[in-house]
Structure formats: C-alpha cells, structure tokens
N, C-alpha and C. Protein backbone atom coordinates (compact mmCIF):
# COMPACT_ATOMS: atom_id res chain seq x y z
N UNK A 1 0.85 -1.38 0.03
CA UNK A 1 -0.02 0.21 0.14
C UNK A 1 0.53 1.10 0.12
N UNK A 2 2.01 0.86 0.69
CA UNK A 2 2.72 2.13 0.86
C UNK A 2 3.26 2.64 -0.50
N UNK A 3 3.49 1.41 -0.57
CA UNK A 3 5.11 1.76 -2.62
C UNK A 3 3.35 2.40 -3.48
N UNK A 4 2.55 2.29 -3.82
CA UNK A 4 1.47 2.29 -4.73
C UNK A 4 0.78 3.57 -3.27
N UNK A 5 0.75 4.26 -2.79
CA UNK A 5 1.23 5.45 -2.33
C UNK A 5 1.83 6.58 -2.94
N UNK A 6 3.05 5.84 -2.84
CA UNK A 6 4.13 7.09 -3.26
C UNK A 6 4.50 6.72 -4.69
N UNK A 7 3.86 5.51 -5.78
CA UNK A 7 3.28 5.06 -7.29
C UNK A 7 2.29 6.70 -7.39
N UNK A 8 1.99 6.15 -6.46
CA UNK A 8 0.37 8.33 -7.37
C UNK A 8 1.36 9.23 -6.67
N UNK A 9 1.66 10.03 -5.94
CA UNK A 9 2.93 11.16 -5.33
C UNK A 9 3.62 11.19 -6.83
N UNK A 10 4.08 10.39 -6.78
CA UNK A 10 5.13 10.05 -7.94
C UNK A 10 4.51 10.13 -9.32
N UNK A 11 3.25 10.23 -9.71
CA UNK A 11 2.82 10.47 -10.80
C UNK A 11 2.84 11.90 -11.23
N UNK A 12 2.02 12.16 -9.96
CA UNK A 12 1.21 13.55 -9.47
C UNK A 12 2.23 14.96 -9.75
N UNK A 13 3.47 14.27 -9.14
CA UNK A 13 4.65 15.24 -8.93
C UNK A 13 5.73 15.35 -10.74
N UNK A 14 5.76 13.99 -11.52
CA UNK A 14 6.33 14.15 -13.05
C UNK A 14 5.27 13.32 -14.09
N UNK A 15 4.72 14.51 -14.38
CA UNK A 15 4.10 14.28 -15.93
C UNK A 15 4.55 13.63 -16.10
N UNK A 16 5.24 13.61 -16.48
CA UNK A 16 6.66 12.42 -18.01
C UNK A 16 6.23 11.45 -17.89
N UNK A 17 5.40 11.25 -16.46
CA UNK A 17 6.46 9.13 -16.08
C UNK A 17 4.46 8.92 -16.72
N UNK A 18 4.41 8.22 -17.93
CA UNK A 18 3.07 7.86 -18.58
C UNK A 18 3.62 6.20 -18.82
N UNK A 19 4.20 5.76 -18.30
CA UNK A 19 4.63 4.22 -17.68
C UNK A 19 5.38 2.65 -16.42
N UNK A 20 4.14 1.72 -16.69
CA UNK A 20 4.74 1.66 -15.73
C UNK A 20 4.22 -0.09 -15.37
N UNK A 21 5.53 -1.07 -14.91
CA UNK A 21 4.89 -2.46 -15.21
C UNK A 21 4.66 -2.82 -13.12
N UNK A 22 3.68 -2.50 -12.97
CA UNK A 22 3.38 -2.97 -11.78
C UNK A 22 1.92 -3.50 -11.95
N UNK A 23 1.87 -4.33 -10.24
CA UNK A 23 0.34 -4.78 -10.27
C UNK A 23 0.36 -4.21 -9.00
N UNK A 24 -1.53 -3.27 -8.91
CA UNK A 24 -1.87 -3.69 -7.40
C UNK A 24 -3.10 -3.85 -6.88
N UNK A 25 -3.16 -4.33 -6.23
CA UNK A 25 -4.32 -5.47 -5.57
C UNK A 25 -5.38 -5.13 -5.05
N UNK A 26 -4.73 -3.67 -4.24
CA UNK A 26 -5.62 -2.34 -3.85
C UNK A 26 -7.11 -2.06 -4.96
N UNK A 27 -7.89 -1.78 -4.68
CA UNK A 27 -8.62 -1.49 -6.08
C UNK A 27 -8.78 -0.13 -6.00
N UNK A 28 -8.36 0.29 -4.65
CA UNK A 28 -8.84 2.28 -4.45
C UNK A 28 -7.38 2.83 -5.52
N UNK A 29 -6.88 2.37 -4.73
CA UNK A 29 -4.85 2.25 -4.91
C UNK A 29 -4.91 2.21 -6.91
N UNK A 30 -5.28 1.28 -6.92
CA UNK A 30 -4.92 1.01 -8.31
C UNK A 30 -5.98 1.62 -9.51
N UNK A 31 -6.84 2.29 -9.36
CA UNK A 31 -7.68 3.51 -9.71
C UNK A 31 -7.44 5.21 -10.01
N UNK A 32 -6.34 5.92 -8.82
CA UNK A 32 -5.38 6.14 -8.57
C UNK A 32 -4.81 5.75 -9.43
N UNK A 33 -3.95 4.99 -8.71
CA UNK A 33 -2.95 5.35 -10.54
C UNK A 33 -3.09 5.12 -11.94
N UNK A 34 -4.39 4.38 -11.68
CA UNK A 34 -4.74 4.94 -13.70
C UNK A 34 -4.84 6.06 -13.77
N UNK A 35 -5.48 6.72 -12.83
CA UNK A 35 -6.36 7.74 -13.09
C UNK A 35 -5.45 9.30 -13.52
N UNK A 36 -3.80 8.58 -12.78
CA UNK A 36 -2.92 9.69 -12.56
C UNK A 36 -2.61 8.97 -13.88
N UNK A 37 -2.37 7.87 -14.50
CA UNK A 37 -1.59 7.70 -15.37
C UNK A 37 -2.26 7.80 -16.49
N UNK A 38 -3.79 8.09 -16.70
CA UNK A 38 -4.23 8.62 -17.82
C UNK A 38 -4.19 10.42 -18.65
N UNK A 39 -3.67 10.92 -17.04
CA UNK A 39 -3.92 12.46 -16.79
C UNK A 39 -2.23 12.55 -17.02
N UNK A 40 -1.07 11.71 -17.09
CA UNK A 40 0.08 11.78 -17.92
C UNK A 40 -0.26 11.61 -19.03
N UNK A 41 -0.35 10.49 -19.29
CA UNK A 41 -0.70 10.25 -20.66
C UNK A 41 -0.70 11.05 -21.87
N UNK A 42 -2.50 11.86 -21.68
CA UNK A 42 -2.87 13.36 -21.99
C UNK A 42 -1.89 13.61 -22.34
N UNK A 43 -1.35 14.46 -20.96
CA UNK A 43 -0.17 15.23 -20.86
C UNK A 43 0.96 15.20 -21.89
N UNK A 44 0.96 13.76 -22.50
CA UNK A 44 2.49 13.71 -22.75
C UNK A 44 1.37 13.78 -24.64
N UNK A 45 0.48 13.48 -24.72
CA UNK A 45 -0.21 13.67 -25.60
C UNK A 45 -0.01 15.27 -26.76
N UNK A 46 -0.54 16.07 -25.48
CA UNK A 46 -0.20 17.59 -25.31
C UNK A 46 0.56 18.13 -25.74
N UNK A 47 1.78 17.78 -25.41
CA UNK A 47 2.99 18.40 -25.57
C UNK A 47 3.84 17.28 -26.80
N UNK A 48 3.31 16.52 -27.20
CA UNK A 48 4.03 15.75 -28.52
C UNK A 48 2.70 16.40 -29.98
N UNK A 49 1.47 17.02 -29.40
CA UNK A 49 0.77 17.49 -30.30
C UNK A 49 0.68 18.76 -30.59
N UNK A 50 1.87 19.39 -29.75
CA UNK A 50 1.82 21.25 -29.43
C UNK A 50 3.75 21.01 -30.09
N UNK A 51 4.20 19.78 -30.03
CA UNK A 51 5.99 19.97 -30.68
C UNK A 51 5.21 20.10 -32.19
N UNK A 52 4.01 18.86 -32.25
CA UNK A 52 4.13 18.63 -33.73
C UNK A 52 4.07 20.41 -34.97
N UNK A 53 3.13 20.77 -33.96
CA UNK A 53 3.26 21.99 -34.60
C UNK A 53 2.70 23.18 -33.88
N UNK A 54 3.80 24.28 -33.54
CA UNK A 54 3.82 25.09 -32.13
C UNK A 54 2.56 26.70 -32.71
N UNK A 55 3.18 26.56 -33.74
CA UNK A 55 2.10 27.99 -33.82
C UNK A 55 0.88 27.78 -34.13
N UNK A 56 0.10 26.26 -34.01
CA UNK A 56 -1.69 26.71 -33.75
C UNK A 56 -1.52 26.21 -32.76
N UNK A 57 -0.95 25.13 -31.84
CA UNK A 57 -0.89 24.62 -30.56
C UNK A 57 -0.64 26.28 -29.77
N UNK A 58 0.28 26.99 -29.89
CA UNK A 58 0.10 28.17 -29.58
C UNK A 58 -1.65 28.74 -29.51
N UNK A 59 -1.80 29.33 -30.53
CA UNK A 59 -2.81 29.77 -30.87
C UNK A 59 -4.34 28.93 -29.91
N UNK A 60 -4.36 28.33 -30.62
CA UNK A 60 -5.83 27.27 -30.69
C UNK A 60 -5.42 27.18 -28.06
N UNK A 61 -4.05 27.31 -27.60
CA UNK A 61 -4.42 26.25 -26.30
C UNK A 61 -4.16 27.87 -25.84
N UNK A 62 -2.92 28.45 -26.26
CA UNK A 62 -3.45 29.83 -25.20
C UNK A 62 -4.21 30.69 -24.75
N UNK A 63 -6.03 30.80 -25.45
CA UNK A 63 -6.49 31.62 -25.07
C UNK A 63 -7.35 31.16 -23.91
N UNK A 64 -7.33 29.74 -24.03
CA UNK A 64 -7.91 28.78 -23.41
C UNK A 64 -8.48 28.81 -21.69
N UNK A 65 -9.33 29.09 -21.23
CA UNK A 65 -10.06 29.36 -20.06
C UNK A 65 -9.54 27.49 -19.17
N UNK A 66 -9.42 27.72 -17.79
CA UNK A 66 -8.76 26.43 -17.03
C UNK A 66 -10.24 25.85 -16.96
N UNK A 67 -10.77 25.75 -16.98
CA UNK A 67 -12.43 25.16 -17.25
C UNK A 67 -12.62 23.83 -18.60
N UNK A 68 -11.89 25.44 -19.61
CA UNK A 68 -11.57 24.54 -21.18
C UNK A 68 -10.96 23.68 -21.06
N UNK A 69 -9.58 23.72 -20.50
CA UNK A 69 -8.92 22.42 -21.10
C UNK A 69 -8.87 21.10 -19.67
N UNK A 70 -9.50 21.60 -18.14
CA UNK A 70 -10.26 20.73 -18.06
C UNK A 70 -11.02 19.73 -19.07
N UNK A 71 -12.00 20.20 -19.20
CA UNK A 71 -13.09 19.17 -20.36
C UNK A 71 -12.41 19.05 -20.68
N UNK A 72 -10.98 19.71 -22.27
CA UNK A 72 -10.64 18.31 -22.68
C UNK A 72 -9.38 17.43 -22.36
N UNK A 73 -9.29 18.03 -21.27
CA UNK A 73 -8.60 16.86 -20.26
C UNK A 73 -9.32 15.66 -20.18
N UNK A 74 -10.76 15.49 -19.96
CA UNK A 74 -11.44 14.48 -19.17
C UNK A 74 -11.20 13.44 -20.09
N UNK A 75 -11.26 11.99 -20.25
CA UNK A 75 -10.97 10.79 -21.58
C UNK A 75 -12.78 9.78 -21.52
N UNK A 76 -13.19 9.96 -19.89
CA UNK A 76 -13.93 9.64 -20.57
C UNK A 76 -15.43 9.96 -20.42
N UNK A 77 -16.30 10.71 -20.59
CA UNK A 77 -18.07 10.48 -20.56
C UNK A 77 -18.40 11.27 -18.86
N UNK A 78 -18.41 10.16 -17.92
CA UNK A 78 -19.00 10.04 -16.40
C UNK A 78 -17.51 11.12 -16.12
N UNK A 79 -15.68 11.52 -16.58
CA UNK A 79 -15.32 12.46 -16.27
C UNK A 79 -15.99 13.39 -15.96
N UNK A 80 -15.92 13.92 -17.06
CA UNK A 80 -17.26 15.17 -17.75
C UNK A 80 -18.06 15.77 -17.01
N UNK A 81 -19.12 14.19 -17.25
CA UNK A 81 -19.78 15.02 -16.23
C UNK A 81 -19.77 15.50 -15.39
N UNK A 82 -18.55 14.36 -14.80
CA UNK A 82 -18.52 15.31 -12.53
C UNK A 82 -17.61 16.30 -12.93
N UNK A 83 -17.44 16.99 -13.62
CA UNK A 83 -16.92 17.93 -14.13
C UNK A 83 -18.37 19.42 -14.25
N UNK A 84 -19.35 19.26 -14.93
CA UNK A 84 -19.77 19.98 -15.51
C UNK A 84 -20.71 18.94 -14.90
N UNK A 85 -21.90 20.45 -13.99
CA UNK A 85 -22.68 19.68 -13.45
C UNK A 85 -23.99 20.03 -14.36
N UNK A 86 -23.69 21.22 -15.03
CA UNK A 86 -24.34 21.65 -15.36
C UNK A 86 -24.20 22.17 -16.69
N UNK A 87 -24.69 22.76 -17.63
CA UNK A 87 -24.69 23.28 -19.51
C UNK A 87 -23.81 24.28 -18.99
N UNK A 88 -22.47 24.38 -19.85
CA UNK A 88 -21.91 26.28 -20.46
C UNK A 88 -23.28 26.95 -21.20
N UNK A 89 -23.58 28.03 -20.19
CA UNK A 89 -23.98 29.19 -21.76
C UNK A 89 -23.19 29.46 -22.64
N UNK A 90 -24.86 28.87 -23.37
CA UNK A 90 -24.53 28.10 -25.17
C UNK A 90 -24.28 29.55 -25.69
N UNK A 91 -23.31 29.68 -26.86
CA UNK A 91 -22.45 30.57 -27.31
C UNK A 91 -21.35 30.95 -27.47
N UNK A 92 -20.90 30.05 -25.40
CA UNK A 92 -19.84 30.45 -25.43
C UNK A 92 -18.44 29.42 -26.07
N UNK A 93 -17.63 30.08 -26.13
CA UNK A 93 -16.25 29.08 -26.26
C UNK A 93 -16.33 28.26 -25.71
N UNK A 94 -16.87 27.66 -24.03
CA UNK A 94 -16.43 26.55 -23.42
C UNK A 94 -17.77 26.46 -23.66
N UNK A 95 -18.82 26.39 -24.04
CA UNK A 95 -20.40 25.88 -24.39
C UNK A 95 -19.62 24.97 -25.78
N UNK A 96 -18.77 25.23 -26.27
CA UNK A 96 -18.41 25.21 -28.15
C UNK A 96 -17.54 23.97 -27.55
N UNK A 97 -16.80 23.98 -26.77
CA UNK A 97 -15.23 22.88 -26.59
C UNK A 97 -15.89 22.09 -25.63
N UNK A 98 -16.64 21.99 -24.77
CA UNK A 98 -17.97 21.52 -23.67
C UNK A 98 -18.69 20.42 -25.13
N UNK A 99 -19.27 20.47 -25.94
CA UNK A 99 -20.19 20.29 -26.55
C UNK A 99 -19.22 19.29 -27.51
N UNK A 100 -18.12 19.77 -28.90
CA UNK A 100 -17.08 19.01 -28.91
C UNK A 100 -16.51 17.68 -29.00
N UNK A 101 -16.03 18.22 -27.36
CA UNK A 101 -15.64 17.16 -26.02
C UNK A 101 -16.51 15.52 -25.98
N UNK A 102 -17.40 15.81 -25.88
CA UNK A 102 -18.80 15.71 -25.63
C UNK A 102 -18.93 14.65 -27.21
N UNK A 103 -18.89 14.89 -27.88
CA UNK A 103 -19.51 13.91 -29.63
C UNK A 103 -17.89 13.52 -29.20
N UNK A 104 -16.46 14.07 -29.61
CA UNK A 104 -14.98 12.84 -29.48
C UNK A 104 -15.41 11.45 -28.23
N UNK A 105 -16.60 11.88 -27.12
CA UNK A 105 -16.03 11.26 -26.34
C UNK A 105 -17.39 9.76 -26.41
N UNK A 106 -18.25 10.00 -27.38
CA UNK A 106 -19.35 9.19 -27.85
C UNK A 106 -20.38 9.11 -26.75
N UNK A 107 -20.66 11.27 -26.60
CA UNK A 107 -21.89 10.87 -25.64
C UNK A 107 -22.81 10.31 -25.19
N UNK A 108 -23.82 9.08 -25.80
CA UNK A 108 -25.02 8.93 -26.05
C UNK A 108 -26.19 9.50 -25.50
N UNK A 109 -25.85 10.74 -24.38
CA UNK A 109 -26.30 11.48 -23.59
C UNK A 109 -27.09 12.95 -25.61
N UNK A 110 -26.08 13.05 -26.17
CA UNK A 110 -25.85 14.23 -26.95
C UNK A 110 -26.10 13.27 -28.19
N UNK A 111 -27.65 14.13 -28.11
CA UNK A 111 -28.82 13.20 -29.47
C UNK A 111 -28.57 14.79 -30.38
N UNK A 112 -28.18 15.94 -30.29
CA UNK A 112 -28.38 17.40 -31.22
C UNK A 112 -27.07 18.16 -30.95
N UNK A 113 -26.69 18.90 -31.13
CA UNK A 113 -25.63 19.33 -31.82
C UNK A 113 -26.36 21.22 -32.53
N UNK A 114 -26.43 22.04 -32.27
CA UNK A 114 -26.81 22.81 -32.84
C UNK A 114 -26.26 24.24 -33.04
N UNK A 115 -25.14 23.78 -33.98
CA UNK A 115 -23.68 25.25 -33.13
C UNK A 115 -23.90 26.10 -34.29
N UNK A 116 -25.35 26.46 -34.80
CA UNK A 116 -25.69 27.63 -36.43
C UNK A 116 -25.43 29.06 -35.28
N UNK A 117 -25.20 29.38 -34.70
CA UNK A 117 -25.20 29.95 -34.03
C UNK A 117 -24.10 30.41 -33.73
N UNK A 118 -23.30 29.59 -34.04
CA UNK A 118 -21.88 29.64 -33.05
C UNK A 118 -20.24 30.04 -33.52
N UNK A 119 -19.63 31.40 -33.73
CA UNK A 119 -19.05 31.54 -34.38
C UNK A 119 -17.49 31.24 -33.58
N UNK A 120 -17.22 30.63 -33.41
CA UNK A 120 -16.04 30.08 -32.32
C UNK A 120 -15.21 29.22 -32.52
N UNK A 121 -16.01 28.44 -34.27
CA UNK A 121 -15.30 27.85 -34.85
C UNK A 121 -13.64 28.03 -35.71
N UNK A 122 -14.30 29.27 -36.17
CA UNK A 122 -13.14 30.38 -36.54
C UNK A 122 -11.42 31.10 -36.41
N UNK A 123 -12.53 31.36 -34.48
CA UNK A 123 -11.36 31.44 -33.88
C UNK A 123 -10.21 30.32 -33.26
N UNK A 124 -10.78 28.95 -33.58
CA UNK A 124 -10.12 27.93 -33.08
C UNK A 124 -9.70 27.23 -33.54
N UNK A 125 -7.98 26.41 -34.12
CA UNK A 125 -8.17 25.74 -35.43
C UNK A 125 -8.34 24.69 -34.61
N UNK A 126 -8.37 24.41 -33.69
CA UNK A 126 -8.43 22.63 -32.91
C UNK A 126 -10.09 22.02 -32.96
N UNK A 127 -10.83 23.11 -32.74
CA UNK A 127 -12.31 22.77 -32.65
C UNK A 127 -12.46 22.08 -33.65
N UNK A 128 -13.48 22.39 -35.00
CA UNK A 128 -13.89 21.80 -36.24
C UNK A 128 -13.01 20.73 -36.93
N UNK A 129 -11.58 20.50 -36.93
CA UNK A 129 -11.38 19.19 -37.01
C UNK A 129 -11.33 18.45 -35.67
N UNK A 130 -11.43 18.73 -34.68
CA UNK A 130 -12.23 17.58 -33.56
C UNK A 130 -13.95 16.65 -33.92
N UNK A 131 -14.16 18.03 -33.97
CA UNK A 131 -15.46 17.44 -34.72
C UNK A 131 -16.04 17.29 -35.84
N UNK A 132 -14.39 16.92 -36.94
CA UNK A 132 -14.69 16.09 -37.90
C UNK A 132 -14.18 14.29 -37.82
N UNK A 133 -13.58 14.60 -36.59
CA UNK A 133 -13.26 13.33 -36.35
C UNK A 133 -13.97 13.09 -35.68
N UNK A 134 -14.46 13.47 -35.14
CA UNK A 134 -15.66 12.81 -34.38
C UNK A 134 -16.79 11.97 -34.46
N UNK A 135 -17.49 12.49 -35.53
CA UNK A 135 -17.95 12.51 -36.53
C UNK A 135 -18.12 11.08 -36.99
N UNK A 136 -16.39 11.31 -37.57
CA UNK A 136 -16.13 10.24 -38.82
C UNK A 136 -16.04 8.48 -38.10
N UNK A 137 -16.59 8.83 -36.38
CA UNK A 137 -16.00 7.51 -35.70
C UNK A 137 -17.36 6.20 -36.23
C-alpha cells in the first residue's frame, strides 16, 4: 500500500511518467494510479501535439480557460459529467469546447448539436477538425 501511495505521489509530481509495470491489488489505489496514468498520458499527448505544430498549438491553447483545459483533459463521459454539473452558457467558447468534446467521447446523451449561431470555430483551429474526427468515428 505504501509503495502504491508513493507511486501515485510520483505520478502527480512528474507528468512525464507515462508507463509503469506494476500490479496493484488494492482496487481504490489501482484506480488512483490508473487515473494519474491517464492524466500523464494525456499530458504527453498534448506535449507531442504542441511539438508537431507549435504555431497552431499556441494559438489554440493560449486562449483556453482553465475549465476548457479541464474539459479537454477528460477521457470519459462520466469524468466530464462529474466536472460539468450544468451546461455552460450557450454560444460561449466553453460551450463549444464542451459540446465538441462530448461528441468526441461519443456521449450517448448527446442527441442534438446545433452550432449554427456559434462563430467560435473561426477562432479555434482545433475544434472543427476534432468535431469532424468525432463524427467520422
């Protein structure tokens, strides 16, 4: 248990740790380790993406709010539901980020997506391609 807790602390302090090979029998501790590993893997993916296209990445991520960053960090629909208790104000960039990420995660509760009054696709080079990829799944 102490080794597992030390592992969780190490994962939290160093977001570059993305792979481990250890079996943890304690279910809550295993869940914590898995969560931290997903966060680290997401952080590594974002670093790789930023390295590939620094200008696009800087433009897209520089203007994101903390909530938008948290939304994009969610890896499951349930995780996002825990983060967002009620729908963000329609027409905002946060709403667009939330809706596109729900589509990307294939949220079964998402039955309609009307962004006709939304002009946020123009200012964010990541959202429209992400929506296109989500719809292509």
